[in-house]
C-alpha cells in the first residue's frame, strides 16, 4: 500500500512536470516574439530541429536495445509518419505565428480547446457516435470559445485566434495519428520530428528575407524545442500509461492555466474577466466531455 502511494505520488509529480513543460512552450514562444528577438519562421525551425536532436538521443538511450521499437531513421518510413510530420510542422508553424498576436494564456487556451475538440470529433467518427453528456460538454466548450472570440473589449486578435485554431486542429490530428500507430511514443515522436525537417528547410529558406535572429531568440527556441517539447514529451509518455484516459485528459486542463499564470507573472500580461469566464466555461465543457466518454466506455464494458 505504501509502495503504491509513493508510486502514484511520483507519477502525479512527473505528470505535473510534463504539463509545466507543455505550458512553457507558450511562454517561451511568446517571450521570444513579443520582444522581436526572433521571427516566427526561425523560431519554428530551430524549435523542431533542436527537438529532433534531443528526441534522437533520448530514443537511442531508452530504446536502442529494443528490437521491436521503430528505428529513428529518415528513410523508408510508413506514410502515417510523413502525415504526422506534416501535422507537427503545421502545428509548430501556426503556433509561432499566432503568438505574434495573442497573449500567452489566451493562445494556450484556444490551442488546447481545439486539440480536444478535434480528438472528440475523431472519437465520434471512429466509435460511431457519442453520448449525450459528451455532446453537452462539447457544446459548452464551443460556447466558451464563442464568447472568448466574440467582438468587444478584450477580444483576442481574430487572425491570431484563427492561426491558433489551425494549430490546435493540427496537434489534435498528430495526437490521433500517434495513438493509431500502436508503437512506443518516444521513438515514434523522434521519427516524426526528424521527418518534419523536410518541411522546415524550404519553410526557413522561403522566409529568409523576413528572418530576424538574435542570440536570445535562438536560446529561447532551443529551450522550447529541446526542453519544453522533447523532454516534456519524453516525461509525459513515460507516465501517461499509468493513468486512465480521462485522468490524463483532465490533467491537461492545467496547461492553459499554468501558461496564463506564467504570462501574468513573467510577461506582465493581463487576466481579463472575459478570459477568466471563457476559460472556466471551456475547461468545464471539456471536463464534462471526458466524463461522458468514461461513462460510455464503462457502460460498454459492462455490456
Protein backbone atom coordinates (compact mmCIF):
# COMPACT_ATOMS: atom_id res chain seq x y z
CA UNK A 1 0.00 0.00 0.00
CA UNK A 2 2.82 2.39 0.90
CA UNK A 3 4.65 1.46 -2.30
CA UNK A 4 1.54 2.17 -4.40
CA UNK A 5 1.07 5.55 -2.69
CA UNK A 6 4.66 6.53 -3.39
CA UNK A 7 4.36 5.31 -6.98
CA UNK A 8 1.17 7.31 -7.51
CA UNK A 9 2.70 10.42 -5.98
CA UNK A 10 5.74 10.03 -8.21
CA UNK A 11 3.58 9.63 -11.31
CA UNK A 12 1.46 12.65 -10.40
CA UNK A 13 4.59 14.72 -9.81
CA UNK A 14 6.10 13.71 -13.16
CA UNK A 15 2.79 14.41 -14.91
CA UNK A 16 2.70 17.91 -13.37
CA UNK A 17 6.28 18.48 -14.52
CA UNK A 18 5.28 17.44 -18.05
CA UNK A 19 2.29 19.81 -18.02
CA UNK A 20 4.60 22.62 -16.90
CA UNK A 21 6.93 21.84 -19.80
CA UNK A 22 4.00 21.93 -22.24
CA UNK A 23 2.87 25.30 -20.89
CA UNK A 24 6.46 26.53 -21.19
CA UNK A 25 6.19 26.21 -24.98
CA UNK A 26 3.62 29.01 -24.99
CA UNK A 27 5.62 31.12 -22.55
CA UNK A 28 8.91 30.73 -24.41
CA UNK A 29 7.37 31.41 -27.81
CA UNK A 30 5.52 34.50 -26.62
CA UNK A 31 8.60 35.70 -24.74
CA UNK A 32 10.73 35.42 -27.89
CA UNK A 33 8.23 37.00 -30.29
CA UNK A 34 6.93 39.76 -28.00
CA UNK A 35 10.32 41.49 -27.97
CA UNK A 36 11.17 40.67 -31.62
CA UNK A 37 14.12 38.55 -30.54
CA UNK A 38 13.36 36.17 -33.37
CA UNK A 39 10.87 35.84 -36.20
CA UNK A 40 8.22 33.07 -36.17
CA UNK A 41 9.75 31.08 -39.03
CA UNK A 42 13.19 30.96 -37.42
CA UNK A 43 11.69 30.11 -34.03
CA UNK A 44 9.71 27.23 -35.56
CA UNK A 45 12.71 25.90 -37.47
CA UNK A 46 15.11 25.98 -34.51
CA UNK A 47 12.44 24.51 -32.22
CA UNK A 48 11.77 21.49 -34.43
CA UNK A 49 15.43 20.82 -35.29
CA UNK A 50 16.58 21.03 -31.67
CA UNK A 51 13.63 18.88 -30.60
CA UNK A 52 14.53 16.27 -33.21
CA UNK A 53 18.13 16.11 -31.98
CA UNK A 54 17.18 15.64 -28.33
CA UNK A 55 14.47 13.07 -29.13
CA UNK A 56 17.00 11.12 -31.19
CA UNK A 57 19.37 10.98 -28.22
CA UNK A 58 16.57 10.03 -25.81
CA UNK A 59 15.23 7.38 -28.19
CA UNK A 60 18.70 5.89 -28.55
CA UNK A 61 19.22 5.79 -24.78
CA UNK A 62 15.87 4.22 -23.89
CA UNK A 63 15.09 2.11 -26.96
CA UNK A 64 18.45 1.20 -28.52
CA UNK A 65 18.22 -2.42 -27.28
CA UNK A 66 14.52 -2.78 -28.08
CA UNK A 67 14.38 -4.65 -31.38
CA UNK A 68 10.60 -4.16 -31.64
CA UNK A 69 10.75 -0.36 -31.46
CA UNK A 70 10.76 1.55 -34.75
CA UNK A 71 14.14 2.92 -35.72
CA UNK A 72 14.52 6.68 -35.73
CA UNK A 73 15.63 6.97 -39.35
CA UNK A 74 14.65 9.38 -42.10
CA UNK A 75 14.01 6.89 -44.89
CA UNK A 76 11.54 4.06 -45.57
CA UNK A 77 9.01 5.27 -43.05
CA UNK A 78 5.29 4.46 -43.37
CA UNK A 79 3.05 7.16 -44.81
CA UNK A 80 1.42 7.80 -41.43
CA UNK A 81 4.78 9.07 -40.13
CA UNK A 82 5.03 11.53 -43.01
CA UNK A 83 1.47 12.70 -42.37
CA UNK A 84 2.25 13.06 -38.66
CA UNK A 85 5.39 15.04 -39.53
CA UNK A 86 3.33 17.36 -41.75
CA UNK A 87 0.82 17.92 -38.94
CA UNK A 88 3.66 18.52 -36.46
CA UNK A 89 5.15 21.14 -38.76
CA UNK A 90 1.75 22.79 -39.36
CA UNK A 91 1.11 22.89 -35.62
CA UNK A 92 4.50 24.42 -34.81
CA UNK A 93 4.44 26.97 -37.63
CA UNK A 94 0.93 28.31 -36.97
CA UNK A 95 1.63 28.21 -33.21
CA UNK A 96 4.59 30.55 -33.66
CA UNK A 97 2.84 32.98 -35.99
CA UNK A 98 -0.25 33.05 -33.75
CA UNK A 99 1.83 34.24 -30.80
CA UNK A 100 2.69 37.39 -32.70
CA UNK A 101 -0.89 38.46 -31.96
CA UNK A 102 -2.03 36.58 -28.84
CA UNK A 103 -1.10 36.69 -25.19
CA UNK A 104 0.24 33.52 -23.59
CA UNK A 105 -2.82 32.29 -21.70
CA UNK A 106 -5.35 33.03 -24.44
CA UNK A 107 -3.20 31.26 -27.02
CA UNK A 108 -2.76 28.18 -24.84
CA UNK A 109 -6.48 28.04 -24.12
CA UNK A 110 -7.50 28.27 -27.78
CA UNK A 111 -4.87 25.68 -28.72
CA UNK A 112 -5.94 23.25 -26.00
CA UNK A 113 -9.65 23.64 -26.78
CA UNK A 114 -9.20 22.86 -30.47
CA UNK A 115 -6.90 19.91 -29.74
CA UNK A 116 -9.57 18.35 -27.53
CA UNK A 117 -12.45 19.16 -29.90
CA UNK A 118 -10.52 17.61 -32.79
CA UNK A 119 -9.90 14.44 -30.81
CA UNK A 120 -13.57 14.41 -29.77
CA UNK A 121 -14.63 14.64 -33.42
CA UNK A 122 -12.31 11.76 -34.32
CA UNK A 123 -13.59 9.64 -31.43
CA UNK A 124 -17.16 10.36 -32.51
CA UNK A 125 -16.36 9.28 -36.08
CA UNK A 126 -14.44 6.15 -35.07
CA UNK A 127 -16.87 4.93 -32.43
CA UNK A 128 -19.97 5.73 -34.47
CA UNK A 129 -21.41 8.32 -32.14
CA UNK A 130 -21.04 9.97 -28.78
CA UNK A 131 -23.05 10.01 -25.58
CA UNK A 132 -25.38 12.86 -24.70
CA UNK A 133 -23.00 14.01 -21.98
CA UNK A 134 -20.15 14.19 -24.48
CA UNK A 135 -22.24 16.35 -26.81
CA UNK A 136 -23.24 18.63 -23.95
CA UNK A 137 -19.62 19.06 -22.90
CA UNK A 138 -18.50 19.80 -26.46
CA UNK A 139 -21.27 22.38 -26.90
CA UNK A 140 -20.33 24.07 -23.61
CA UNK A 141 -16.69 24.26 -24.72
CA UNK A 142 -17.68 25.71 -28.10
CA UNK A 143 -19.87 28.27 -26.33
CA UNK A 144 -16.90 29.30 -24.21
CA UNK A 145 -14.76 29.68 -27.32
CA UNK A 146 -17.50 31.69 -28.97
CA UNK A 147 -17.65 34.06 -26.04
CA UNK A 148 -13.87 34.46 -25.99
CA UNK A 149 -13.56 35.45 -29.67
CA UNK A 150 -16.81 37.45 -29.89
CA UNK A 151 -16.38 41.14 -30.79
CA UNK A 152 -15.95 43.53 -27.92
CA UNK A 153 -13.45 44.81 -25.41
CA UNK A 154 -10.50 42.49 -24.71
CA UNK A 155 -11.40 40.15 -27.59
CA UNK A 156 -8.32 38.34 -28.92
CA UNK A 157 -6.96 39.21 -32.34
CA UNK A 158 -9.03 37.34 -34.94
CA UNK A 159 -6.03 36.49 -37.11
CA UNK A 160 -4.07 35.14 -34.17
CA UNK A 161 -7.06 33.15 -32.89
CA UNK A 162 -7.57 31.63 -36.34
CA UNK A 163 -3.94 30.60 -36.62
CA UNK A 164 -4.00 29.05 -33.14
CA UNK A 165 -7.20 27.18 -34.01
CA UNK A 166 -5.43 25.66 -37.02
CA UNK A 167 -2.50 24.80 -34.75
CA UNK A 168 -4.85 23.04 -32.33
CA UNK A 169 -6.52 21.02 -35.07
CA UNK A 170 -3.10 20.00 -36.44
CA UNK A 171 -1.91 18.92 -32.99
CA UNK A 172 -5.15 17.02 -32.44
CA UNK A 173 -4.62 15.10 -35.68
CA UNK A 174 -1.00 14.49 -34.71
CA UNK A 175 -2.15 13.05 -31.37
CA UNK A 176 -4.72 10.83 -33.07
CA UNK A 177 -2.11 9.52 -35.51
CA UNK A 178 0.21 8.77 -32.57
CA UNK A 179 -2.48 6.66 -30.90
CA UNK A 180 -3.23 4.79 -34.12
CA UNK A 181 0.41 3.84 -34.75
CA UNK A 182 0.43 1.43 -31.78
CA UNK A 183 4.19 1.82 -31.30
CA UNK A 184 6.26 3.27 -28.44
CA UNK A 185 5.67 7.01 -28.39
CA UNK A 186 9.24 8.15 -27.80
CA UNK A 187 10.78 6.64 -30.96
CA UNK A 188 7.61 7.49 -32.92
CA UNK A 189 7.91 11.15 -31.92
CA UNK A 190 11.60 11.01 -32.77
CA UNK A 191 10.78 9.84 -36.29
CA UNK A 192 8.08 12.46 -36.74
CA UNK A 193 10.30 15.30 -35.55
CA UNK A 194 13.15 14.25 -37.82
CA UNK A 195 10.86 13.92 -40.83
CA UNK A 196 9.46 17.37 -40.10
CA UNK A 197 12.89 18.76 -41.04
CA UNK A 198 11.98 18.11 -44.69
CA UNK A 199 9.19 20.68 -44.27
CA UNK A 200 11.28 23.02 -42.13
CA UNK A 201 14.10 23.55 -44.66
CA UNK A 202 12.04 25.07 -47.52
CA UNK A 203 9.92 26.95 -44.99
CA UNK A 204 13.02 28.55 -43.47
CA UNK A 205 14.58 29.34 -46.85
CA UNK A 206 11.41 30.97 -48.17
CA UNK A 207 11.31 33.24 -45.12
CA UNK A 208 14.97 34.32 -45.26
CA UNK A 209 14.11 37.87 -46.44
CA UNK A 210 12.00 38.34 -43.27
CA UNK A 211 14.25 36.47 -40.84
CA UNK A 212 15.36 38.24 -37.67
CA UNK A 213 17.53 36.19 -35.36
CA UNK A 214 19.19 37.19 -32.09
CA UNK A 215 21.20 35.06 -29.68
CA UNK A 216 18.48 35.37 -27.03
CA UNK A 217 15.82 34.36 -29.53
CA UNK A 218 17.83 31.32 -30.58
CA UNK A 219 18.21 30.17 -26.98
CA UNK A 220 14.51 30.59 -26.31
CA UNK A 221 13.73 28.50 -29.41
CA UNK A 222 16.21 25.81 -28.33
CA UNK A 223 14.68 25.73 -24.86
CA UNK A 224 11.26 25.32 -26.44
CA UNK A 225 12.33 22.53 -28.78
CA UNK A 226 14.94 20.63 -26.79
CA UNK A 227 13.43 21.19 -23.36
CA UNK A 228 9.73 22.03 -23.31
CA UNK A 229 8.91 19.86 -26.34
CA UNK A 230 11.36 16.93 -26.45
CA UNK A 231 11.96 16.42 -22.72
CA UNK A 232 8.34 17.27 -21.93
CA UNK A 233 7.06 14.63 -24.36
CA UNK A 234 9.52 12.05 -23.02
CA UNK A 235 8.35 12.63 -19.43
CA UNK A 236 4.66 12.63 -20.35
CA UNK A 237 4.73 9.48 -22.44
CA UNK A 238 6.79 7.80 -19.73
CA UNK A 239 4.00 8.19 -17.16
CA UNK A 240 0.77 8.60 -19.14
CA UNK A 241 0.21 4.83 -19.29
CA UNK A 242 -0.20 4.84 -15.52
CA UNK A 243 -3.40 6.89 -15.77
CA UNK A 244 -6.82 6.36 -17.26
CA UNK A 245 -7.51 8.25 -20.48
CA UNK A 246 -9.95 10.50 -18.64
CA UNK A 247 -7.42 11.23 -15.89
CA UNK A 248 -4.77 12.07 -18.48
CA UNK A 249 -7.19 14.35 -20.31
CA UNK A 250 -8.25 16.20 -17.16
CA UNK A 251 -4.58 16.67 -16.19
CA UNK A 252 -4.03 18.52 -19.44
CA UNK A 253 -6.60 21.09 -18.31
CA UNK A 254 -3.79 22.53 -16.20
CA UNK A 255 -1.71 23.54 -19.24
CA UNK A 256 -3.57 26.75 -20.23
CA UNK A 257 -3.93 27.69 -16.56
CA UNK A 258 -0.18 27.34 -15.96
CA UNK A 259 0.54 29.24 -19.18
CA UNK A 260 -1.81 32.09 -18.22
CA UNK A 261 -0.28 32.42 -14.74
CA UNK A 262 3.23 32.35 -16.19
CA UNK A 263 2.30 35.03 -18.73
CA UNK A 264 0.87 37.16 -15.93
CA UNK A 265 3.95 36.79 -13.71
CA UNK A 266 6.74 36.77 -16.30
CA UNK A 267 5.39 38.89 -19.15
CA UNK A 268 3.11 41.33 -17.30
CA UNK A 269 0.08 40.11 -19.26
CA UNK A 270 -3.41 40.83 -18.02
CA UNK A 271 -6.00 38.36 -16.77
CA UNK A 272 -9.22 39.91 -18.06
CA UNK A 273 -12.70 38.98 -16.89
CA UNK A 274 -13.52 37.78 -20.42
CA UNK A 275 -10.59 35.37 -20.34
CA UNK A 276 -11.40 34.06 -16.85
CA UNK A 277 -15.06 33.42 -17.73
CA UNK A 278 -14.34 31.84 -21.12
CA UNK A 279 -11.55 29.70 -19.64
CA UNK A 280 -13.88 28.43 -16.90
CA UNK A 281 -16.61 27.58 -19.44
CA UNK A 282 -14.23 25.90 -21.91
CA UNK A 283 -12.43 23.82 -19.29
CA UNK A 284 -15.72 22.85 -17.65
CA UNK A 285 -17.11 21.74 -21.03
CA UNK A 286 -14.06 19.66 -21.82
CA UNK A 287 -14.20 18.05 -18.36
CA UNK A 288 -17.85 17.10 -18.99
CA UNK A 289 -16.81 15.58 -22.32
CA UNK A 290 -14.11 13.50 -20.63
CA UNK A 291 -16.57 12.27 -18.00
CA UNK A 292 -19.14 11.44 -20.67
CA UNK A 293 -16.60 9.39 -22.56
CA UNK A 294 -15.57 7.50 -19.44
CA UNK A 295 -19.20 6.75 -18.58
CA UNK A 296 -19.83 5.48 -22.09
CA UNK A 297 -16.78 3.23 -22.00
CA UNK A 298 -17.80 1.89 -18.60
CA UNK A 299 -21.29 1.08 -19.94
CA UNK A 300 -19.84 -0.70 -22.96
CA UNK A 301 -17.51 -2.70 -20.72
CA UNK A 302 -20.42 -3.83 -18.54
CA UNK A 303 -22.41 -4.87 -21.62
